[in-house]
């Protein structure tokens, strides 16, 4: 697993995704999609756009 994802999970005290029913209820894996790689690309894009670490860390608050 991508190191930044592990740090993110630990920093925000997240559990296994299976423990979040609302996230897994309609979960359908997409062949050829690597969620870890897509997340890494998202973080890289936010870096390029000048998002601070605090702004990046605050993104999940908008989603959850």
PDB file of N, CA and C in Angstrom:
ATOM      1  N   UNK A   1       0.858  -1.182   0.000  1.00  0.00           N
ATOM      2  CA  UNK A   1       0.000   0.000   0.000  1.00  0.00           C
ATOM      3  C   UNK A   1       0.896   1.235   0.000  1.00  0.00           C
ATOM      4  N   UNK A   2       0.483   2.221  -0.698  1.00  0.00           N
ATOM      5  CA  UNK A   2       1.166   3.492  -0.853  1.00  0.00           C
ATOM      6  C   UNK A   2       1.329   4.136   0.534  1.00  0.00           C
ATOM      7  N   UNK A   3       2.563   4.540   0.882  1.00  0.00           N
ATOM      8  CA  UNK A   3       2.899   5.011   2.231  1.00  0.00           C
ATOM      9  C   UNK A   3       2.022   6.180   2.678  1.00  0.00           C
ATOM     10  N   UNK A   4       1.750   7.131   1.797  1.00  0.00           N
ATOM     11  CA  UNK A   4       0.930   8.283   2.191  1.00  0.00           C
ATOM     12  C   UNK A   4      -0.477   7.857   2.587  1.00  0.00           C
ATOM     13  N   UNK A   5      -0.997   6.805   1.970  1.00  0.00           N
ATOM     14  CA  UNK A   5      -2.330   6.312   2.323  1.00  0.00           C
ATOM     15  C   UNK A   5      -2.307   5.745   3.734  1.00  0.00           C
ATOM     16  N   UNK A   6      -1.254   5.016   4.082  1.00  0.00           N
ATOM     17  CA  UNK A   6      -1.124   4.465   5.431  1.00  0.00           C
ATOM     18  C   UNK A   6      -1.065   5.596   6.450  1.00  0.00           C
ATOM     19  N   UNK A   7      -0.287   6.630   6.160  1.00  0.00           N
ATOM     20  CA  UNK A   7      -0.184   7.784   7.059  1.00  0.00           C
ATOM     21  C   UNK A   7      -1.545   8.462   7.188  1.00  0.00           C
ATOM     22  N   UNK A   8      -2.260   8.616   6.077  1.00  0.00           N
ATOM     23  CA  UNK A   8      -3.592   9.223   6.077  1.00  0.00           C
ATOM     24  C   UNK A   8      -4.540   8.416   6.958  1.00  0.00           C
ATOM     25  N   UNK A   9      -4.522   7.110   6.798  1.00  0.00           N
ATOM     26  CA  UNK A   9      -5.390   6.220   7.584  1.00  0.00           C
ATOM     27  C   UNK A   9      -5.084   6.367   9.073  1.00  0.00           C
ATOM     28  N   UNK A  10      -3.803   6.388   9.413  1.00  0.00           N
ATOM     29  CA  UNK A  10      -3.414   6.518  10.822  1.00  0.00           C
ATOM     30  C   UNK A  10      -3.751   7.908  11.366  1.00  0.00           C
ATOM     31  N   UNK A  11      -3.486   8.949  10.566  1.00  0.00           N
ATOM     32  CA  UNK A  11      -3.710  10.323  11.024  1.00  0.00           C
ATOM     33  C   UNK A  11      -5.180  10.611  11.303  1.00  0.00           C
ATOM     34  N   UNK A  12      -6.064  10.051  10.484  1.00  0.00           N
ATOM     35  CA  UNK A  12      -7.493  10.324  10.640  1.00  0.00           C
ATOM     36  C   UNK A  12      -8.241   9.186  11.337  1.00  0.00           C
ATOM     37  N   UNK A  13      -7.475   8.237  11.906  1.00  0.00           N
ATOM     38  CA  UNK A  13      -8.047   7.136  12.679  1.00  0.00           C
ATOM     39  C   UNK A  13      -9.119   6.374  11.906  1.00  0.00           C
ATOM     40  N   UNK A  14      -8.856   6.141  10.627  1.00  0.00           N
ATOM     41  CA  UNK A  14      -9.820   5.443   9.789  1.00  0.00           C
ATOM     42  C   UNK A  14      -9.736   3.943  10.005  1.00  0.00           C
ATOM     43  N   UNK A  15     -10.856   3.290   9.829  1.00  0.00           N
ATOM     44  CA  UNK A  15     -10.936   1.837   9.950  1.00  0.00           C
ATOM     45  C   UNK A  15     -10.971   1.220   8.562  1.00  0.00           C
ATOM     46  N   UNK A  16     -11.045  -0.092   8.503  1.00  0.00           N
ATOM     47  CA  UNK A  16     -11.181  -0.790   7.237  1.00  0.00           C
ATOM     48  C   UNK A  16     -12.450  -0.311   6.546  1.00  0.00           C
ATOM     49  N   UNK A  17     -12.394  -0.148   5.232  1.00  0.00           N
ATOM     50  CA  UNK A  17     -13.544   0.375   4.483  1.00  0.00           C
ATOM     51  C   UNK A  17     -14.799  -0.462   4.688  1.00  0.00           C
ATOM     52  N   UNK A  18     -14.644  -1.730   4.966  1.00  0.00           N
ATOM     53  CA  UNK A  18     -15.804  -2.606   5.171  1.00  0.00           C
ATOM     54  C   UNK A  18     -16.607  -2.210   6.412  1.00  0.00           C
ATOM     55  N   UNK A  19     -16.000  -1.440   7.314  1.00  0.00           N
ATOM     56  CA  UNK A  19     -16.699  -0.993   8.519  1.00  0.00           C
ATOM     57  C   UNK A  19     -17.588   0.222   8.257  1.00  0.00           C
ATOM     58  N   UNK A  20     -17.510   0.796   7.058  1.00  0.00           N
ATOM     59  CA  UNK A  20     -18.315   1.957   6.712  1.00  0.00           C
ATOM     60  C   UNK A  20     -19.385   1.513   5.717  1.00  0.00           C
ATOM     61  N   UNK A  21     -20.519   1.110   6.244  1.00  0.00           N
ATOM     62  CA  UNK A  21     -21.585   0.533   5.420  1.00  0.00           C
ATOM     63  C   UNK A  21     -21.976   1.447   4.262  1.00  0.00           C
ATOM     64  N   UNK A  22     -22.086   2.739   4.520  1.00  0.00           N
ATOM     65  CA  UNK A  22     -22.526   3.655   3.462  1.00  0.00           C
ATOM     66  C   UNK A  22     -21.528   3.736   2.322  1.00  0.00           C
ATOM     67  N   UNK A  23     -20.277   3.382   2.566  1.00  0.00           N
ATOM     68  CA  UNK A  23     -19.278   3.385   1.494  1.00  0.00           C
ATOM     69  C   UNK A  23     -19.249   2.079   0.728  1.00  0.00           C
ATOM     70  N   UNK A  24     -19.551   0.981   1.385  1.00  0.00           N
ATOM     71  CA  UNK A  24     -19.420  -0.327   0.755  1.00  0.00           C
ATOM     72  C   UNK A  24     -20.736  -0.861   0.225  1.00  0.00           C
ATOM     73  N   UNK A  25     -21.828  -0.230   0.593  1.00  0.00           N
ATOM     74  CA  UNK A  25     -23.140  -0.737   0.193  1.00  0.00           C
ATOM     75  C   UNK A  25     -23.248  -0.909  -1.323  1.00  0.00           C
ATOM     76  N   UNK A  26     -22.778   0.046  -2.076  1.00  0.00           N
ATOM     77  CA  UNK A  26     -22.865  -0.054  -3.526  1.00  0.00           C
ATOM     78  C   UNK A  26     -21.510  -0.195  -4.181  1.00  0.00           C
ATOM     79  N   UNK A  27     -20.516  -0.642  -3.424  1.00  0.00           N
ATOM     80  CA  UNK A  27     -19.152  -0.735  -3.945  1.00  0.00           C
ATOM     81  C   UNK A  27     -19.066  -1.746  -5.085  1.00  0.00           C
ATOM     82  N   UNK A  28     -18.659  -1.264  -6.243  1.00  0.00           N
ATOM     83  CA  UNK A  28     -18.455  -2.130  -7.396  1.00  0.00           C
ATOM     84  C   UNK A  28     -17.057  -1.849  -7.922  1.00  0.00           C
ATOM     85  N   UNK A  29     -16.136  -2.805  -7.721  1.00  0.00           N
ATOM     86  CA  UNK A  29     -14.775  -2.584  -8.217  1.00  0.00           C
ATOM     87  C   UNK A  29     -14.777  -2.402  -9.741  1.00  0.00           C
ATOM     88  N   UNK A  30     -13.907  -1.523 -10.209  1.00  0.00           N
ATOM     89  CA  UNK A  30     -13.794  -1.266 -11.641  1.00  0.00           C
ATOM     90  C   UNK A  30     -12.491  -1.883 -12.125  1.00  0.00           C
ATOM     91  N   UNK A  31     -12.611  -2.794 -13.067  1.00  0.00           N
ATOM     92  CA  UNK A  31     -11.424  -3.460 -13.604  1.00  0.00           C
ATOM     93  C   UNK A  31     -10.468  -2.431 -14.191  1.00  0.00           C
ATOM     94  N   UNK A  32      -9.203  -2.573 -13.854  1.00  0.00           N
ATOM     95  CA  UNK A  32      -8.184  -1.678 -14.391  1.00  0.00           C
ATOM     96  C   UNK A  32      -8.009  -0.386 -13.620  1.00  0.00           C
ATOM     97  N   UNK A  33      -8.800  -0.156 -12.585  1.00  0.00           N
ATOM     98  CA  UNK A  33      -8.672   1.052 -11.771  1.00  0.00           C
ATOM     99  C   UNK A  33      -7.905   0.732 -10.497  1.00  0.00           C
ATOM    100  N   UNK A  34      -6.929   1.534 -10.183  1.00  0.00           N
ATOM    101  CA  UNK A  34      -6.136   1.373  -8.970  1.00  0.00           C
ATOM    102  C   UNK A  34      -6.415   2.582  -8.076  1.00  0.00           C
ATOM    103  N   UNK A  35      -7.257   2.403  -7.068  1.00  0.00           N
ATOM    104  CA  UNK A  35      -7.652   3.514  -6.206  1.00  0.00           C
ATOM    105  C   UNK A  35      -6.455   4.192  -5.547  1.00  0.00           C
ATOM    106  N   UNK A  36      -5.458   3.411  -5.136  1.00  0.00           N
ATOM    107  CA  UNK A  36      -4.273   3.996  -4.500  1.00  0.00           C
ATOM    108  C   UNK A  36      -3.539   4.914  -5.463  1.00  0.00           C
ATOM    109  N   UNK A  37      -3.398   4.485  -6.710  1.00  0.00           N
ATOM    110  CA  UNK A  37      -2.720   5.306  -7.714  1.00  0.00           C
ATOM    111  C   UNK A  37      -3.533   6.555  -8.033  1.00  0.00           C
ATOM    112  N   UNK A  38      -4.838   6.418  -8.141  1.00  0.00           N
ATOM    113  CA  UNK A  38      -5.689   7.576  -8.407  1.00  0.00           C
ATOM    114  C   UNK A  38      -5.615   8.584  -7.254  1.00  0.00           C
ATOM    115  N   UNK A  39      -5.565   8.089  -6.032  1.00  0.00           N
ATOM    116  CA  UNK A  39      -5.456   8.992  -4.875  1.00  0.00           C
ATOM    117  C   UNK A  39      -4.103   9.698  -4.883  1.00  0.00           C
ATOM    118  N   UNK A  40      -3.044   8.969  -5.223  1.00  0.00           N
ATOM    119  CA  UNK A  40      -1.711   9.575  -5.313  1.00  0.00           C
ATOM    120  C   UNK A  40      -1.733  10.690  -6.360  1.00  0.00           C
ATOM    121  N   UNK A  41      -2.381  10.440  -7.485  1.00  0.00           N
ATOM    122  CA  UNK A  41      -2.480  11.452  -8.538  1.00  0.00           C
ATOM    123  C   UNK A  41      -3.287  12.668  -8.069  1.00  0.00           C
ATOM    124  N   UNK A  42      -4.327  12.415  -7.295  1.00  0.00           N
ATOM    125  CA  UNK A  42      -5.124  13.514  -6.747  1.00  0.00           C
ATOM    126  C   UNK A  42      -4.271  14.401  -5.841  1.00  0.00           C
ATOM    127  N   UNK A  43      -3.510  13.777  -4.947  1.00  0.00           N
ATOM    128  CA  UNK A  43      -2.646  14.547  -4.050  1.00  0.00           C
ATOM    129  C   UNK A  43      -1.590  15.325  -4.837  1.00  0.00           C
ATOM    130  N   UNK A  44      -1.038  14.698  -5.864  1.00  0.00           N
ATOM    131  CA  UNK A  44      -0.045  15.367  -6.701  1.00  0.00           C
ATOM    132  C   UNK A  44      -0.671  16.577  -7.401  1.00  0.00           C
ATOM    133  N   UNK A  45      -1.889  16.413  -7.905  1.00  0.00           N
ATOM    134  CA  UNK A  45      -2.580  17.521  -8.569  1.00  0.00           C
ATOM    135  C   UNK A  45      -2.834  18.666  -7.592  1.00  0.00           C
ATOM    136  N   UNK A  46      -3.225  18.340  -6.364  1.00  0.00           N
ATOM    137  CA  UNK A  46      -3.465  19.385  -5.364  1.00  0.00           C
ATOM    138  C   UNK A  46      -2.169  20.106  -5.021  1.00  0.00           C
ATOM    139  N   UNK A  47      -1.043  19.362  -4.977  1.00  0.00           N
ATOM    140  CA  UNK A  47       0.265  19.998  -4.761  1.00  0.00           C
ATOM    141  C   UNK A  47       0.572  20.982  -5.883  1.00  0.00           C
ATOM    142  N   UNK A  48       0.370  20.546  -7.121  1.00  0.00           N
ATOM    143  CA  UNK A  48       0.643  21.390  -8.287  1.00  0.00           C
ATOM    144  C   UNK A  48      -0.219  22.643  -8.262  1.00  0.00           C
ATOM    145  N   UNK A  49      -1.456  22.495  -7.817  1.00  0.00           N
ATOM    146  CA  UNK A  49      -2.382  23.628  -7.766  1.00  0.00           C
ATOM    147  C   UNK A  49      -2.137  24.531  -6.564  1.00  0.00           C
ATOM    148  N   UNK A  50      -1.199  24.142  -5.705  1.00  0.00           N
ATOM    149  CA  UNK A  50      -0.840  24.999  -4.581  1.00  0.00           C
ATOM    150  C   UNK A  50      -1.650  24.783  -3.319  1.00  0.00           C
ATOM    151  N   UNK A  51      -2.375  23.673  -3.225  1.00  0.00           N
ATOM    152  CA  UNK A  51      -3.104  23.379  -1.993  1.00  0.00           C
ATOM    153  C   UNK A  51      -2.104  23.129  -0.864  1.00  0.00           C
ATOM    154  N   UNK A  52      -2.355  23.703   0.294  1.00  0.00           N
ATOM    155  CA  UNK A  52      -1.499  23.435   1.445  1.00  0.00           C
ATOM    156  C   UNK A  52      -1.827  22.052   2.006  1.00  0.00           C
ATOM    157  N   UNK A  53      -0.957  21.557   2.871  1.00  0.00           N
ATOM    158  CA  UNK A  53      -1.205  20.256   3.521  1.00  0.00           C
ATOM    159  C   UNK A  53      -2.509  20.325   4.316  1.00  0.00           C
ATOM    160  N   UNK A  54      -2.749  21.433   4.987  1.00  0.00           N
ATOM    161  CA  UNK A  54      -3.969  21.591   5.780  1.00  0.00           C
ATOM    162  C   UNK A  54      -5.214  21.548   4.888  1.00  0.00           C
ATOM    163  N   UNK A  55      -5.132  22.181   3.715  1.00  0.00           N
ATOM    164  CA  UNK A  55      -6.265  22.149   2.790  1.00  0.00           C
ATOM    165  C   UNK A  55      -6.500  20.737   2.258  1.00  0.00           C
ATOM    166  N   UNK A  56      -5.409  20.046   1.933  1.00  0.00           N
ATOM    167  CA  UNK A  56      -5.530  18.666   1.464  1.00  0.00           C
ATOM    168  C   UNK A  56      -6.130  17.783   2.549  1.00  0.00           C
ATOM    169  N   UNK A  57      -5.665  17.962   3.777  1.00  0.00           N
ATOM    170  CA  UNK A  57      -6.177  17.158   4.895  1.00  0.00           C
ATOM    171  C   UNK A  57      -7.650  17.466   5.176  1.00  0.00           C
ATOM    172  N   UNK A  58      -8.097  18.661   4.838  1.00  0.00           N
ATOM    173  CA  UNK A  58      -9.477  19.049   5.080  1.00  0.00           C
ATOM    174  C   UNK A  58     -10.447  18.552   4.029  1.00  0.00           C
ATOM    175  N   UNK A  59      -9.954  18.050   2.912  1.00  0.00           N
ATOM    176  CA  UNK A  59     -10.834  17.575   1.840  1.00  0.00           C
ATOM    177  C   UNK A  59     -11.807  16.489   2.308  1.00  0.00           C
ATOM    178  N   UNK A  60     -11.369  15.503   3.096  1.00  0.00           N
ATOM    179  CA  UNK A  60     -12.328  14.481   3.530  1.00  0.00           C
ATOM    180  C   UNK A  60     -13.488  15.062   4.341  1.00  0.00           C
ATOM    181  N   UNK A  61     -13.265  16.174   5.031  1.00  0.00           N
ATOM    182  CA  UNK A  61     -14.361  16.789   5.786  1.00  0.00           C
ATOM    183  C   UNK A  61     -15.490  17.217   4.854  1.00  0.00           C
ATOM    184  N   UNK A  62     -15.144  17.593   3.632  1.00  0.00           N
ATOM    185  CA  UNK A  62     -16.159  17.993   2.650  1.00  0.00           C
ATOM    186  C   UNK A  62     -16.928  16.785   2.148  1.00  0.00           C
ATOM    187  N   UNK A  63     -16.308  15.623   2.176  1.00  0.00           N
ATOM    188  CA  UNK A  63     -16.914  14.435   1.595  1.00  0.00           C
ATOM    189  C   UNK A  63     -17.658  13.571   2.589  1.00  0.00           C
ATOM    190  N   UNK A  64     -17.213  13.586   3.842  1.00  0.00           N
ATOM    191  CA  UNK A  64     -17.804  12.645   4.808  1.00  0.00           C
ATOM    192  C   UNK A  64     -18.807  13.340   5.653  1.00  0.00           C
TER     193      UNK A  64
END
